[in-house]
Amino acid sequence: SLGDYCAGPNHVLPTSRTARFSSPLGTYDFQKRSSLIQVS
């Protein structure tokens, strides 16, 4: 219950055995990655 409310880590978590391949909600879920390529 401490994790549900105030410990700090996110309480939005994978269920139904999906923790085998997925992770808790986090800052990274609201960021995107763009590859940078500048060839000389």
PDB file of all heavy atoms in Angstrom:
ATOM      1  N   SER A   1       0.815  -1.217   0.000  1.00  0.00           N
ATOM      2  CA  SER A   1       0.000   0.000   0.000  1.00  0.00           C
ATOM      3  C   SER A   1       0.854   1.274   0.000  1.00  0.00           C
ATOM      4  O   SER A   1       0.429   2.314  -0.510  1.00  0.00           O
ATOM      5  CB  SER A   1      -0.950   0.005   1.200  1.00  0.00           C
ATOM      6  OG  SER A   1      -0.229  -0.024   2.418  1.00  0.00           O
ATOM      7  N   LEU A   2       2.063   1.205   0.561  1.00  0.00           N
ATOM      8  CA  LEU A   2       2.941   2.380   0.530  1.00  0.00           C
ATOM      9  C   LEU A   2       3.319   2.719  -0.911  1.00  0.00           C
ATOM     10  O   LEU A   2       3.446   3.892  -1.274  1.00  0.00           O
ATOM     11  CB  LEU A   2       4.204   2.126   1.357  1.00  0.00           C
ATOM     12  CG  LEU A   2       3.990   1.834   2.849  1.00  0.00           C
ATOM     13  CD1 LEU A   2       5.334   1.659   3.550  1.00  0.00           C
ATOM     14  CD2 LEU A   2       3.181   2.952   3.510  1.00  0.00           C
ATOM     15  N   GLY A   3       3.497   1.676  -1.726  1.00  0.00           N
ATOM     16  CA  GLY A   3       3.793   1.910  -3.134  1.00  0.00           C
ATOM     17  C   GLY A   3       2.608   2.485  -3.884  1.00  0.00           C
ATOM     18  O   GLY A   3       2.772   3.235  -4.847  1.00  0.00           O
ATOM     19  N   ASP A   4       1.405   2.147  -3.449  1.00  0.00           N
ATOM     20  CA  ASP A   4       0.208   2.681  -4.097  1.00  0.00           C
ATOM     21  C   ASP A   4       0.115   4.196  -3.961  1.00  0.00           C
ATOM     22  O   ASP A   4      -0.433   4.861  -4.840  1.00  0.00           O
ATOM     23  CB  ASP A   4      -1.049   2.057  -3.479  1.00  0.00           C
ATOM     24  CG  ASP A   4      -1.361   0.693  -4.053  1.00  0.00           C
ATOM     25  OD1 ASP A   4      -0.801   0.341  -5.106  1.00  0.00           O
ATOM     26  OD2 ASP A   4      -2.173  -0.027  -3.434  1.00  0.00           O
ATOM     27  N   TYR A   5       0.621   4.714  -2.851  1.00  0.00           N
ATOM     28  CA  TYR A   5       0.360   6.114  -2.541  1.00  0.00           C
ATOM     29  C   TYR A   5       1.569   7.039  -2.517  1.00  0.00           C
ATOM     30  O   TYR A   5       1.522   8.122  -3.085  1.00  0.00           O
ATOM     31  CB  TYR A   5      -0.355   6.204  -1.188  1.00  0.00           C
ATOM     32  CG  TYR A   5      -1.703   5.541  -1.180  1.00  0.00           C
ATOM     33  CD1 TYR A   5      -1.907   4.346  -0.498  1.00  0.00           C
ATOM     34  CD2 TYR A   5      -2.769   6.080  -1.888  1.00  0.00           C
ATOM     35  CE1 TYR A   5      -3.135   3.717  -0.509  1.00  0.00           C
ATOM     36  CE2 TYR A   5      -4.007   5.467  -1.905  1.00  0.00           C
ATOM     37  CZ  TYR A   5      -4.189   4.277  -1.216  1.00  0.00           C
ATOM     38  OH  TYR A   5      -5.409   3.659  -1.241  1.00  0.00           O
ATOM     39  N   CYS A   6       2.620   6.653  -1.872  1.00  0.00           N
ATOM     40  CA  CYS A   6       3.605   7.683  -1.553  1.00  0.00           C
ATOM     41  C   CYS A   6       5.060   7.256  -1.508  1.00  0.00           C
ATOM     42  O   CYS A   6       5.917   8.084  -1.200  1.00  0.00           O
ATOM     43  CB  CYS A   6       3.240   8.326  -0.207  1.00  0.00           C
ATOM     44  SG  CYS A   6       3.118   7.128   1.155  1.00  0.00           S
ATOM     45  N   ALA A   7       5.381   5.996  -1.780  1.00  0.00           N
ATOM     46  CA  ALA A   7       6.790   5.598  -1.709  1.00  0.00           C
ATOM     47  C   ALA A   7       7.620   6.352  -2.743  1.00  0.00           C
ATOM     48  O   ALA A   7       8.727   6.809  -2.458  1.00  0.00           O
ATOM     49  CB  ALA A   7       6.927   4.084  -1.912  1.00  0.00           C
ATOM     50  N   GLY A   8       7.073   6.475  -3.962  1.00  0.00           N
ATOM     51  CA  GLY A   8       7.791   7.180  -5.022  1.00  0.00           C
ATOM     52  C   GLY A   8       7.669   6.526  -6.376  1.00  0.00           C
ATOM     53  O   GLY A   8       7.303   7.179  -7.360  1.00  0.00           O
ATOM     54  N   PRO A   9       7.986   5.227  -6.509  1.00  0.00           N
ATOM     55  CA  PRO A   9       7.814   4.552  -7.795  1.00  0.00           C
ATOM     56  C   PRO A   9       6.356   4.533  -8.239  1.00  0.00           C
ATOM     57  O   PRO A   9       5.443   4.690  -7.431  1.00  0.00           O
ATOM     58  CB  PRO A   9       8.320   3.130  -7.510  1.00  0.00           C
ATOM     59  CG  PRO A   9       9.294   3.301  -6.395  1.00  0.00           C
ATOM     60  CD  PRO A   9       8.704   4.381  -5.527  1.00  0.00           C
ATOM     61  N   ASN A  10       6.152   4.327  -9.533  1.00  0.00           N
ATOM     62  CA  ASN A  10       4.806   4.402 -10.089  1.00  0.00           C
ATOM     63  C   ASN A  10       3.977   3.173  -9.733  1.00  0.00           C
ATOM     64  O   ASN A  10       4.501   2.059  -9.676  1.00  0.00           O
ATOM     65  CB  ASN A  10       4.868   4.552 -11.608  1.00  0.00           C
ATOM     66  CG  ASN A  10       3.696   5.341 -12.137  1.00  0.00           C
ATOM     67  OD1 ASN A  10       2.576   4.844 -12.185  1.00  0.00           O
ATOM     68  ND2 ASN A  10       3.940   6.581 -12.512  1.00  0.00           N
ATOM     69  N   HIS A  11       2.700   3.380  -9.508  1.00  0.00           N
ATOM     70  CA  HIS A  11       1.833   2.236  -9.200  1.00  0.00           C
ATOM     71  C   HIS A  11       1.077   1.729 -10.427  1.00  0.00           C
ATOM     72  O   HIS A  11       0.282   0.795 -10.330  1.00  0.00           O
ATOM     73  CB  HIS A  11       0.881   2.557  -8.045  1.00  0.00           C
ATOM     74  CG  HIS A  11      -0.317   3.394  -8.413  1.00  0.00           C
ATOM     75  ND1 HIS A  11      -1.106   4.009  -7.473  1.00  0.00           N
ATOM     76  CD2 HIS A  11      -0.894   3.719  -9.592  1.00  0.00           C
ATOM     77  CE1 HIS A  11      -2.098   4.659  -8.054  1.00  0.00           C
ATOM     78  NE2 HIS A  11      -1.994   4.496  -9.349  1.00  0.00           N
ATOM     79  N   VAL A  12       1.315   2.323 -11.594  1.00  0.00           N
ATOM     80  CA  VAL A  12       0.744   1.801 -12.827  1.00  0.00           C
ATOM     81  C   VAL A  12       1.694   0.714 -13.319  1.00  0.00           C
ATOM     82  O   VAL A  12       2.785   0.998 -13.818  1.00  0.00           O
ATOM     83  CB  VAL A  12       0.570   2.894 -13.892  1.00  0.00           C
ATOM     84  CG1 VAL A  12      -0.036   2.305 -15.170  1.00  0.00           C
ATOM     85  CG2 VAL A  12      -0.316   4.018 -13.351  1.00  0.00           C
ATOM     86  N   LEU A  13       1.278  -0.540 -13.151  1.00  0.00           N
ATOM     87  CA  LEU A  13       2.175  -1.680 -13.320  1.00  0.00           C
ATOM     88  C   LEU A  13       1.579  -2.735 -14.252  1.00  0.00           C
ATOM     89  O   LEU A  13       0.358  -2.845 -14.369  1.00  0.00           O
ATOM     90  CB  LEU A  13       2.450  -2.328 -11.956  1.00  0.00           C
ATOM     91  CG  LEU A  13       3.049  -1.423 -10.876  1.00  0.00           C
ATOM     92  CD1 LEU A  13       2.971  -2.104  -9.514  1.00  0.00           C
ATOM     93  CD2 LEU A  13       4.496  -1.089 -11.221  1.00  0.00           C
ATOM     94  N   PRO A  14       2.432  -3.523 -14.894  1.00  0.00           N
ATOM     95  CA  PRO A  14       1.936  -4.599 -15.756  1.00  0.00           C
ATOM     96  C   PRO A  14       1.249  -5.697 -14.952  1.00  0.00           C
ATOM     97  O   PRO A  14       1.695  -6.060 -13.867  1.00  0.00           O
ATOM     98  CB  PRO A  14       3.203  -5.119 -16.444  1.00  0.00           C
ATOM     99  CG  PRO A  14       4.324  -4.737 -15.526  1.00  0.00           C
ATOM    100  CD  PRO A  14       3.899  -3.446 -14.885  1.00  0.00           C
ATOM    101  N   THR A  15       0.157  -6.214 -15.488  1.00  0.00           N
ATOM    102  CA  THR A  15      -0.627  -7.260 -14.832  1.00  0.00           C
ATOM    103  C   THR A  15      -0.727  -8.478 -15.746  1.00  0.00           C
ATOM    104  O   THR A  15      -0.223  -8.489 -16.866  1.00  0.00           O
ATOM    105  CB  THR A  15      -2.049  -6.760 -14.515  1.00  0.00           C
ATOM    106  OG1 THR A  15      -2.707  -6.437 -15.753  1.00  0.00           O
ATOM    107  CG2 THR A  15      -2.020  -5.526 -13.632  1.00  0.00           C
ATOM    108  N   SER A  16      -1.392  -9.513 -15.234  1.00  0.00           N
ATOM    109  CA  SER A  16      -1.708 -10.709 -16.029  1.00  0.00           C
ATOM    110  C   SER A  16      -0.469 -11.304 -16.692  1.00  0.00           C
ATOM    111  O   SER A  16      -0.482 -11.653 -17.865  1.00  0.00           O
ATOM    112  CB  SER A  16      -2.771 -10.382 -17.090  1.00  0.00           C
ATOM    113  OG  SER A  16      -3.935  -9.864 -16.499  1.00  0.00           O
ATOM    114  N   ARG A  17       0.618 -11.386 -15.940  1.00  0.00           N
ATOM    115  CA  ARG A  17       1.886 -11.994 -16.364  1.00  0.00           C
ATOM    116  C   ARG A  17       2.630 -11.173 -17.411  1.00  0.00           C
ATOM    117  O   ARG A  17       3.665 -11.616 -17.940  1.00  0.00           O
ATOM    118  CB  ARG A  17       1.683 -13.427 -16.881  1.00  0.00           C
ATOM    119  CG  ARG A  17       1.023 -14.371 -15.861  1.00  0.00           C
ATOM    120  CD  ARG A  17       1.127 -15.831 -16.287  1.00  0.00           C
ATOM    121  NE  ARG A  17       2.529 -16.274 -16.248  1.00  0.00           N
ATOM    122  CZ  ARG A  17       3.124 -16.931 -17.246  1.00  0.00           C
ATOM    123  NH1 ARG A  17       2.461 -17.197 -18.363  1.00  0.00           N
ATOM    124  NH2 ARG A  17       4.375 -17.303 -17.129  1.00  0.00           N
ATOM    125  N   THR A  18       2.174  -9.958 -17.716  1.00  0.00           N
ATOM    126  CA  THR A  18       2.860  -9.148 -18.724  1.00  0.00           C
ATOM    127  C   THR A  18       4.143  -8.519 -18.197  1.00  0.00           C
ATOM    128  O   THR A  18       4.899  -7.926 -18.964  1.00  0.00           O
ATOM    129  CB  THR A  18       1.940  -8.043 -19.282  1.00  0.00           C
ATOM    130  OG1 THR A  18       1.511  -7.198 -18.212  1.00  0.00           O
ATOM    131  CG2 THR A  18       0.726  -8.640 -19.965  1.00  0.00           C
ATOM    132  N   ALA A  19       4.421  -8.666 -16.890  1.00  0.00           N
ATOM    133  CA  ALA A  19       5.705  -8.202 -16.369  1.00  0.00           C
ATOM    134  C   ALA A  19       6.862  -9.004 -16.960  1.00  0.00           C
ATOM    135  O   ALA A  19       8.029  -8.629 -16.796  1.00  0.00           O
ATOM    136  CB  ALA A  19       5.728  -8.293 -14.843  1.00  0.00           C
ATOM    137  N   ARG A  20       6.565 -10.088 -17.652  1.00  0.00           N
ATOM    138  CA  ARG A  20       7.609 -10.838 -18.361  1.00  0.00           C
ATOM    139  C   ARG A  20       8.236 -10.001 -19.469  1.00  0.00           C
ATOM    140  O   ARG A  20       9.371 -10.250 -19.865  1.00  0.00           O
ATOM    141  CB  ARG A  20       7.019 -12.112 -18.971  1.00  0.00           C
ATOM    142  CG  ARG A  20       6.545 -13.143 -17.962  1.00  0.00           C
ATOM    143  CD  ARG A  20       5.870 -14.320 -18.654  1.00  0.00           C
ATOM    144  NE  ARG A  20       4.640 -13.911 -19.315  1.00  0.00           N
ATOM    145  CZ  ARG A  20       4.411 -14.051 -20.620  1.00  0.00           C
ATOM    146  NH1 ARG A  20       5.323 -14.591 -21.396  1.00  0.00           N
ATOM    147  NH2 ARG A  20       3.266 -13.660 -21.132  1.00  0.00           N
ATOM    148  N   PHE A  21       7.480  -9.011 -19.977  1.00  0.00           N
ATOM    149  CA  PHE A  21       8.002  -8.251 -21.117  1.00  0.00           C
ATOM    150  C   PHE A  21       7.702  -6.757 -21.052  1.00  0.00           C
ATOM    151  O   PHE A  21       8.013  -6.030 -21.990  1.00  0.00           O
ATOM    152  CB  PHE A  21       7.449  -8.818 -22.437  1.00  0.00           C
ATOM    153  CG  PHE A  21       5.946  -8.902 -22.486  1.00  0.00           C
ATOM    154  CD1 PHE A  21       5.174  -7.801 -22.779  1.00  0.00           C
ATOM    155  CD2 PHE A  21       5.305 -10.108 -22.233  1.00  0.00           C
ATOM    156  CE1 PHE A  21       3.796  -7.882 -22.828  1.00  0.00           C
ATOM    157  CE2 PHE A  21       3.925 -10.213 -22.279  1.00  0.00           C
ATOM    158  CZ  PHE A  21       3.158  -9.092 -22.579  1.00  0.00           C
ATOM    159  N   SER A  22       7.084  -6.284 -19.980  1.00  0.00           N
ATOM    160  CA  SER A  22       6.788  -4.860 -19.898  1.00  0.00           C
ATOM    161  C   SER A  22       7.129  -4.317 -18.521  1.00  0.00           C
ATOM    162  O   SER A  22       7.458  -5.068 -17.601  1.00  0.00           O
ATOM    163  CB  SER A  22       5.316  -4.595 -20.240  1.00  0.00           C
ATOM    164  OG  SER A  22       4.460  -5.358 -19.410  1.00  0.00           O
ATOM    165  N   SER A  23       7.029  -3.009 -18.372  1.00  0.00           N
ATOM    166  CA  SER A  23       7.566  -2.309 -17.201  1.00  0.00           C
ATOM    167  C   SER A  23       6.549  -1.342 -16.619  1.00  0.00           C
ATOM    168  O   SER A  23       5.533  -1.030 -17.251  1.00  0.00           O
ATOM    169  CB  SER A  23       8.826  -1.536 -17.608  1.00  0.00           C
ATOM    170  OG  SER A  23       9.765  -2.368 -18.245  1.00  0.00           O
ATOM    171  N   PRO A  24       6.826  -0.807 -15.428  1.00  0.00           N
ATOM    172  CA  PRO A  24       5.940   0.202 -14.839  1.00  0.00           C
ATOM    173  C   PRO A  24       5.894   1.472 -15.688  1.00  0.00           C
ATOM    174  O   PRO A  24       6.829   1.773 -16.434  1.00  0.00           O
ATOM    175  CB  PRO A  24       6.595   0.493 -13.482  1.00  0.00           C
ATOM    176  CG  PRO A  24       7.455  -0.688 -13.194  1.00  0.00           C
ATOM    177  CD  PRO A  24       7.928  -1.173 -14.518  1.00  0.00           C
ATOM    178  N   LEU A  25       4.802   2.201 -15.564  1.00  0.00           N
ATOM    179  CA  LEU A  25       4.717   3.523 -16.184  1.00  0.00           C
ATOM    180  C   LEU A  25       5.813   4.405 -15.601  1.00  0.00           C
ATOM    181  O   LEU A  25       6.123   4.321 -14.412  1.00  0.00           O
ATOM    182  CB  LEU A  25       3.343   4.143 -15.901  1.00  0.00           C
ATOM    183  CG  LEU A  25       3.018   5.454 -16.618  1.00  0.00           C
ATOM    184  CD1 LEU A  25       2.774   5.206 -18.095  1.00  0.00           C
ATOM    185  CD2 LEU A  25       1.790   6.125 -15.992  1.00  0.00           C
ATOM    186  N   GLY A  26       6.404   5.241 -16.443  1.00  0.00           N
ATOM    187  CA  GLY A  26       7.477   6.101 -15.946  1.00  0.00           C
ATOM    188  C   GLY A  26       7.674   7.313 -16.827  1.00  0.00           C
ATOM    189  O   GLY A  26       6.979   7.501 -17.844  1.00  0.00           O
ATOM    190  N   THR A  27       8.626   8.127 -16.458  1.00  0.00           N
ATOM    191  CA  THR A  27       8.936   9.333 -17.220  1.00  0.00           C
ATOM    192  C   THR A  27       9.239   8.997 -18.668  1.00  0.00           C
ATOM    193  O   THR A  27       8.850   9.724 -19.593  1.00  0.00           O
ATOM    194  CB  THR A  27      10.141  10.050 -16.590  1.00  0.00           C
ATOM    195  OG1 THR A  27       9.864  10.299 -15.205  1.00  0.00           O
ATOM    196  CG2 THR A  27      10.432  11.368 -17.282  1.00  0.00           C
ATOM    197  N   TYR A  28       9.938   7.889 -18.886  1.00  0.00           N
ATOM    198  CA  TYR A  28      10.316   7.483 -20.243  1.00  0.00           C
ATOM    199  C   TYR A  28       9.117   7.226 -21.137  1.00  0.00           C
ATOM    200  O   TYR A  28       9.232   7.250 -22.366  1.00  0.00           O
ATOM    201  CB  TYR A  28      11.209   6.231 -20.190  1.00  0.00           C
ATOM    202  CG  TYR A  28      10.889   5.288 -19.058  1.00  0.00           C
ATOM    203  CD1 TYR A  28       9.725   4.529 -19.053  1.00  0.00           C
ATOM    204  CD2 TYR A  28      11.748   5.188 -17.969  1.00  0.00           C
ATOM    205  CE1 TYR A  28       9.433   3.683 -18.010  1.00  0.00           C
ATOM    206  CE2 TYR A  28      11.452   4.336 -16.911  1.00  0.00           C
ATOM    207  CZ  TYR A  28      10.296   3.581 -16.940  1.00  0.00           C
ATOM    208  OH  TYR A  28      10.000   2.738 -15.894  1.00  0.00           O
ATOM    209  N   ASP A  29       7.939   6.952 -20.557  1.00  0.00           N
ATOM    210  CA  ASP A  29       6.745   6.738 -21.368  1.00  0.00           C
ATOM    211  C   ASP A  29       6.197   8.034 -21.945  1.00  0.00           C
ATOM    212  O   ASP A  29       5.314   8.009 -22.808  1.00  0.00           O
ATOM    213  CB  ASP A  29       5.655   6.056 -20.529  1.00  0.00           C
ATOM    214  CG  ASP A  29       5.994   4.617 -20.210  1.00  0.00           C
ATOM    215  OD1 ASP A  29       6.080   3.817 -21.154  1.00  0.00           O
ATOM    216  OD2 ASP A  29       6.206   4.294 -19.027  1.00  0.00           O
ATOM    217  N   PHE A  30       6.694   9.155 -21.471  1.00  0.00           N
ATOM    218  CA  PHE A  30       6.236  10.459 -21.959  1.00  0.00           C
ATOM    219  C   PHE A  30       7.346  11.199 -22.703  1.00  0.00           C
ATOM    220  O   PHE A  30       7.245  12.395 -22.949  1.00  0.00           O
ATOM    221  CB  PHE A  30       5.720  11.293 -20.785  1.00  0.00           C
ATOM    222  CG  PHE A  30       4.564  10.653 -20.065  1.00  0.00           C
ATOM    223  CD1 PHE A  30       4.767   9.912 -18.910  1.00  0.00           C
ATOM    224  CD2 PHE A  30       3.278  10.750 -20.567  1.00  0.00           C
ATOM    225  CE1 PHE A  30       3.714   9.301 -18.251  1.00  0.00           C
ATOM    226  CE2 PHE A  30       2.213  10.139 -19.920  1.00  0.00           C
ATOM    227  CZ  PHE A  30       2.429   9.416 -18.760  1.00  0.00           C
ATOM    228  N   GLN A  31       8.396  10.462 -23.041  1.00  0.00           N
ATOM    229  CA  GLN A  31       9.479  11.002 -23.848  1.00  0.00           C
ATOM    230  C   GLN A  31       9.636  10.157 -25.102  1.00  0.00           C
ATOM    231  O   GLN A  31       9.306   8.981 -25.112  1.00  0.00           O
ATOM    232  CB  GLN A  31      10.806  10.973 -23.069  1.00  0.00           C
ATOM    233  CG  GLN A  31      10.832  11.887 -21.850  1.00  0.00           C
ATOM    234  CD  GLN A  31      12.169  11.822 -21.133  1.00  0.00           C
ATOM    235  OE1 GLN A  31      12.548  10.775 -20.619  1.00  0.00           O
ATOM    236  NE2 GLN A  31      12.887  12.932 -21.102  1.00  0.00           N
ATOM    237  N   LYS A  32      10.153  10.779 -26.164  1.00  0.00           N
ATOM    238  CA  LYS A  32      10.406  10.070 -27.410  1.00  0.00           C
ATOM    239  C   LYS A  32      11.891  10.157 -27.740  1.00  0.00           C
ATOM    240  O   LYS A  32      12.585  11.078 -27.316  1.00  0.00           O
ATOM    241  CB  LYS A  32       9.628  10.686 -28.572  1.00  0.00           C
ATOM    242  CG  LYS A  32       8.119  10.631 -28.416  1.00  0.00           C
ATOM    243  CD  LYS A  32       7.421  11.217 -29.634  1.00  0.00           C
ATOM    244  CE  LYS A  32       7.560  12.724 -29.725  1.00  0.00           C
ATOM    245  NZ  LYS A  32       8.773  13.213 -30.353  1.00  0.00           N
ATOM    246  N   ARG A  33      12.356   9.197 -28.527  1.00  0.00           N
ATOM    247  CA  ARG A  33      13.737   9.171 -28.987  1.00  0.00           C
ATOM    248  C   ARG A  33      13.777   9.366 -30.491  1.00  0.00           C
ATOM    249  O   ARG A  33      13.067   8.676 -31.225  1.00  0.00           O
ATOM    250  CB  ARG A  33      14.407   7.844 -28.623  1.00  0.00           C
ATOM    251  CG  ARG A  33      14.386   7.515 -27.150  1.00  0.00           C
ATOM    252  CD  ARG A  33      15.042   6.172 -26.844  1.00  0.00           C
ATOM    253  NE  ARG A  33      14.416   5.060 -27.558  1.00  0.00           N
ATOM    254  CZ  ARG A  33      13.332   4.428 -27.145  1.00  0.00           C
ATOM    255  NH1 ARG A  33      12.731   4.808 -26.023  1.00  0.00           N
ATOM    256  NH2 ARG A  33      12.835   3.418 -27.832  1.00  0.00           N
ATOM    257  N   SER A  34      14.578  10.304 -30.940  1.00  0.00           N
ATOM    258  CA  SER A  34      14.836  10.483 -32.364  1.00  0.00           C
ATOM    259  C   SER A  34      16.312  10.203 -32.614  1.00  0.00           C
ATOM    260  O   SER A  34      17.169  10.721 -31.897  1.00  0.00           O
ATOM    261  CB  SER A  34      14.515  11.914 -32.816  1.00  0.00           C
ATOM    262  OG  SER A  34      13.147  12.206 -32.638  1.00  0.00           O
ATOM    263  N   SER A  35      16.593   9.387 -33.618  1.00  0.00           N
ATOM    264  CA  SER A  35      17.987   9.106 -33.951  1.00  0.00           C
ATOM    265  C   SER A  35      18.612  10.313 -34.650  1.00  0.00           C
ATOM    266  O   SER A  35      17.961  10.974 -35.469  1.00  0.00           O
ATOM    267  CB  SER A  35      18.079   7.889 -34.877  1.00  0.00           C
ATOM    268  OG  SER A  35      17.542   6.743 -34.261  1.00  0.00           O
ATOM    269  N   LEU A  36      19.858  10.599 -34.344  1.00  0.00           N
ATOM    270  CA  LEU A  36      20.615  11.675 -34.976  1.00  0.00           C
ATOM    271  C   LEU A  36      21.716  11.078 -35.838  1.00  0.00           C
ATOM    272  O   LEU A  36      22.487  10.231 -35.378  1.00  0.00           O
ATOM    273  CB  LEU A  36      21.240  12.593 -33.924  1.00  0.00           C
ATOM    274  CG  LEU A  36      20.275  13.369 -33.019  1.00  0.00           C
ATOM    275  CD1 LEU A  36      21.054  14.143 -31.960  1.00  0.00           C
ATOM    276  CD2 LEU A  36      19.404  14.313 -33.833  1.00  0.00           C
ATOM    277  N   ILE A  37      21.786  11.509 -37.110  1.00  0.00           N
ATOM    278  CA  ILE A  37      22.801  11.005 -38.042  1.00  0.00           C
ATOM    279  C   ILE A  37      23.311  12.182 -38.870  1.00  0.00           C
ATOM    280  O   ILE A  37      22.528  12.834 -39.571  1.00  0.00           O
ATOM    281  CB  ILE A  37      22.223   9.938 -38.992  1.00  0.00           C
ATOM    282  CG1 ILE A  37      21.494   8.835 -38.204  1.00  0.00           C
ATOM    283  CG2 ILE A  37      23.317   9.337 -39.872  1.00  0.00           C
ATOM    284  CD1 ILE A  37      20.659   7.919 -39.070  1.00  0.00           C
ATOM    285  N   GLN A  38      24.574  12.487 -38.762  1.00  0.00           N
ATOM    286  CA  GLN A  38      25.204  13.503 -39.607  1.00  0.00           C
ATOM    287  C   GLN A  38      26.505  12.912 -40.146  1.00  0.00           C
ATOM    288  O   GLN A  38      27.517  12.854 -39.444  1.00  0.00           O
ATOM    289  CB  GLN A  38      25.484  14.795 -38.826  1.00  0.00           C
ATOM    290  CG  GLN A  38      26.102  15.887 -39.691  1.00  0.00           C
ATOM    291  CD  GLN A  38      26.293  17.184 -38.929  1.00  0.00           C
ATOM    292  OE1 GLN A  38      25.522  17.498 -38.024  1.00  0.00           O
ATOM    293  NE2 GLN A  38      27.325  17.938 -39.306  1.00  0.00           N
ATOM    294  N   VAL A  39      26.433  12.455 -41.396  1.00  0.00           N
ATOM    295  CA  VAL A  39      27.570  11.759 -41.996  1.00  0.00           C
ATOM    296  C   VAL A  39      28.540  12.774 -42.590  1.00  0.00           C
ATOM    297  O   VAL A  39      28.142  13.676 -43.338  1.00  0.00           O
ATOM    298  CB  VAL A  39      27.090  10.778 -43.089  1.00  0.00           C
ATOM    299  CG1 VAL A  39      28.271  10.052 -43.726  1.00  0.00           C
ATOM    300  CG2 VAL A  39      26.124   9.762 -42.478  1.00  0.00           C
ATOM    301  N   SER A  40      29.803  12.622 -42.283  1.00  0.00           N
ATOM    302  CA  SER A  40      30.842  13.495 -42.837  1.00  0.00           C
ATOM    303  C   SER A  40      31.147  13.102 -44.280  1.00  0.00           C
ATOM    304  O   SER A  40      30.747  12.018 -44.750  1.00  0.00           O
ATOM    305  CB  SER A  40      32.116  13.380 -41.997  1.00  0.00           C
ATOM    306  OG  SER A  40      32.671  12.072 -42.132  1.00  0.00           O
TER     307      SER A  40
END
